[in-house]
């Protein structure tokens, strides 16, 4: 996460959040729109880490 998320901002910003899968998907999409360079396999791995470490249940 630090490698990709930490390019534009401190990674601590990411670690403070607990989001659902859909919310993390939107965050990653927004970062790609803002210029995040990430391959499909890197994106899959990043999302998996976000879901596992910083995910919360859908309400």
N, C-alpha and C. Protein backbone atom coordinates (compact mmCIF):
# COMPACT_ATOMS: atom_id res chain seq x y z
N UNK A 1 0.82 -1.20 0.00
CA UNK A 1 0.00 0.00 0.00
C UNK A 1 0.86 1.26 0.00
N UNK A 2 1.89 1.24 0.82
CA UNK A 2 2.74 2.43 0.92
C UNK A 2 3.34 2.80 -0.43
N UNK A 3 3.70 1.77 -1.20
CA UNK A 3 4.34 2.01 -2.50
C UNK A 3 3.43 2.79 -3.45
N UNK A 4 2.16 2.46 -3.46
CA UNK A 4 1.23 3.12 -4.38
C UNK A 4 0.52 4.31 -3.73
N UNK A 5 -0.02 4.10 -2.54
CA UNK A 5 -0.79 5.16 -1.88
C UNK A 5 0.11 6.29 -1.36
N UNK A 6 1.33 5.94 -0.99
CA UNK A 6 2.23 6.92 -0.41
C UNK A 6 2.90 7.84 -1.40
N UNK A 7 2.65 7.64 -2.68
CA UNK A 7 3.25 8.51 -3.69
C UNK A 7 2.71 9.93 -3.59
N UNK A 8 1.41 10.06 -3.41
CA UNK A 8 0.76 11.38 -3.41
C UNK A 8 0.45 11.92 -2.02
N UNK A 9 0.33 11.04 -1.05
CA UNK A 9 0.00 11.47 0.31
C UNK A 9 0.57 10.47 1.30
N UNK A 10 0.56 10.82 2.54
CA UNK A 10 1.06 9.91 3.57
C UNK A 10 0.15 8.68 3.66
N UNK A 11 0.77 7.53 3.78
CA UNK A 11 0.01 6.29 3.85
C UNK A 11 -0.86 6.23 5.10
N UNK A 12 -0.50 6.98 6.13
CA UNK A 12 -1.30 6.99 7.37
C UNK A 12 -2.74 7.40 7.11
N UNK A 13 -2.94 8.23 6.10
CA UNK A 13 -4.30 8.66 5.74
C UNK A 13 -5.15 7.43 5.42
N UNK A 14 -4.56 6.48 4.72
CA UNK A 14 -5.29 5.27 4.33
C UNK A 14 -5.57 4.41 5.55
N UNK A 15 -4.59 4.26 6.42
CA UNK A 15 -4.72 3.38 7.57
C UNK A 15 -5.74 3.88 8.59
N UNK A 16 -6.13 5.12 8.53
CA UNK A 16 -7.12 5.68 9.47
C UNK A 16 -8.55 5.35 9.07
N UNK A 17 -8.74 4.80 7.88
CA UNK A 17 -10.09 4.60 7.35
C UNK A 17 -10.50 3.13 7.43
N UNK A 18 -11.76 2.91 7.65
CA UNK A 18 -12.40 1.59 7.56
C UNK A 18 -13.58 1.75 6.61
N UNK A 19 -13.49 1.11 5.45
CA UNK A 19 -14.52 1.29 4.43
C UNK A 19 -15.01 -0.07 3.93
N UNK A 20 -16.19 -0.07 3.34
CA UNK A 20 -16.71 -1.28 2.71
C UNK A 20 -15.96 -1.54 1.40
N UNK A 21 -16.17 -2.71 0.83
CA UNK A 21 -15.53 -3.02 -0.46
C UNK A 21 -15.92 -2.00 -1.52
N UNK A 22 -17.20 -1.67 -1.57
CA UNK A 22 -17.66 -0.70 -2.58
C UNK A 22 -17.00 0.66 -2.37
N UNK A 23 -16.86 1.06 -1.12
CA UNK A 23 -16.23 2.35 -0.83
C UNK A 23 -14.75 2.33 -1.22
N UNK A 24 -14.04 1.24 -0.91
CA UNK A 24 -12.63 1.12 -1.31
C UNK A 24 -12.51 1.11 -2.83
N UNK A 25 -13.43 0.45 -3.51
CA UNK A 25 -13.42 0.44 -4.97
C UNK A 25 -13.52 1.86 -5.51
N UNK A 26 -14.40 2.66 -4.92
CA UNK A 26 -14.55 4.06 -5.36
C UNK A 26 -13.29 4.87 -5.08
N UNK A 27 -12.66 4.63 -3.93
CA UNK A 27 -11.43 5.35 -3.59
C UNK A 27 -10.33 5.02 -4.59
N UNK A 28 -10.15 3.74 -4.89
CA UNK A 28 -9.11 3.34 -5.84
C UNK A 28 -9.41 3.92 -7.22
N UNK A 29 -10.66 3.87 -7.64
CA UNK A 29 -11.05 4.46 -8.92
C UNK A 29 -10.72 5.95 -8.95
N UNK A 30 -11.06 6.65 -7.88
CA UNK A 30 -10.79 8.10 -7.82
C UNK A 30 -9.29 8.38 -7.88
N UNK A 31 -8.50 7.55 -7.24
CA UNK A 31 -7.04 7.76 -7.26
C UNK A 31 -6.49 7.50 -8.67
N UNK A 32 -7.07 6.53 -9.38
CA UNK A 32 -6.65 6.28 -10.76
C UNK A 32 -6.99 7.48 -11.64
N UNK A 33 -8.14 8.07 -11.44
CA UNK A 33 -8.54 9.26 -12.19
C UNK A 33 -7.55 10.40 -11.92
N UNK A 34 -7.06 10.47 -10.69
CA UNK A 34 -6.11 11.52 -10.30
C UNK A 34 -4.67 11.23 -10.71
N UNK A 35 -4.44 10.06 -11.33
CA UNK A 35 -3.12 9.78 -11.85
C UNK A 35 -2.38 8.59 -11.29
N UNK A 36 -3.01 7.81 -10.41
CA UNK A 36 -2.36 6.61 -9.88
C UNK A 36 -2.03 5.66 -11.02
N UNK A 37 -0.78 5.28 -11.11
CA UNK A 37 -0.34 4.31 -12.12
C UNK A 37 -0.28 2.94 -11.45
N UNK A 38 -1.16 2.05 -11.90
CA UNK A 38 -1.27 0.74 -11.27
C UNK A 38 -1.73 -0.28 -12.32
N UNK A 39 -1.07 -1.43 -12.35
CA UNK A 39 -1.47 -2.48 -13.28
C UNK A 39 -2.71 -3.19 -12.72
N UNK A 40 -3.33 -3.98 -13.56
CA UNK A 40 -4.53 -4.71 -13.13
C UNK A 40 -4.20 -5.66 -11.97
N UNK A 41 -3.05 -6.34 -12.06
CA UNK A 41 -2.70 -7.27 -10.98
C UNK A 41 -2.34 -6.52 -9.71
N UNK A 42 -1.69 -5.37 -9.82
CA UNK A 42 -1.39 -4.55 -8.64
C UNK A 42 -2.67 -4.04 -8.00
N UNK A 43 -3.61 -3.64 -8.84
CA UNK A 43 -4.90 -3.14 -8.33
C UNK A 43 -5.64 -4.25 -7.58
N UNK A 44 -5.63 -5.45 -8.12
CA UNK A 44 -6.29 -6.57 -7.47
C UNK A 44 -5.66 -6.84 -6.10
N UNK A 45 -4.33 -6.84 -6.05
CA UNK A 45 -3.61 -7.06 -4.80
C UNK A 45 -3.89 -5.95 -3.80
N UNK A 46 -3.84 -4.69 -4.27
CA UNK A 46 -4.09 -3.54 -3.39
C UNK A 46 -5.49 -3.62 -2.80
N UNK A 47 -6.48 -3.87 -3.64
CA UNK A 47 -7.86 -3.95 -3.15
C UNK A 47 -8.02 -5.09 -2.15
N UNK A 48 -7.39 -6.21 -2.42
CA UNK A 48 -7.46 -7.35 -1.50
C UNK A 48 -6.90 -6.96 -0.13
N UNK A 49 -5.77 -6.26 -0.12
CA UNK A 49 -5.17 -5.80 1.14
C UNK A 49 -6.09 -4.81 1.84
N UNK A 50 -6.65 -3.88 1.09
CA UNK A 50 -7.55 -2.89 1.69
C UNK A 50 -8.77 -3.57 2.30
N UNK A 51 -9.36 -4.51 1.57
CA UNK A 51 -10.55 -5.21 2.07
C UNK A 51 -10.22 -5.97 3.35
N UNK A 52 -9.08 -6.68 3.34
CA UNK A 52 -8.73 -7.54 4.47
C UNK A 52 -8.31 -6.72 5.69
N UNK A 53 -7.46 -5.73 5.50
CA UNK A 53 -6.89 -5.00 6.62
C UNK A 53 -7.74 -3.81 7.08
N UNK A 54 -8.46 -3.19 6.12
CA UNK A 54 -9.16 -1.95 6.45
C UNK A 54 -10.62 -1.98 6.02
N UNK A 55 -11.15 -3.17 5.86
CA UNK A 55 -12.54 -3.29 5.42
C UNK A 55 -13.52 -3.30 6.57
N UNK A 56 -14.74 -2.94 6.25
CA UNK A 56 -15.83 -3.04 7.23
C UNK A 56 -17.01 -3.66 6.51
N UNK A 57 -17.90 -4.19 7.29
CA UNK A 57 -19.10 -4.85 6.74
C UNK A 57 -20.03 -3.83 6.10
N UNK A 58 -20.70 -4.27 5.02
CA UNK A 58 -21.75 -3.45 4.43
C UNK A 58 -22.92 -3.40 5.40
N UNK A 59 -23.60 -2.27 5.42
CA UNK A 59 -24.76 -2.14 6.31
C UNK A 59 -26.02 -2.49 5.59
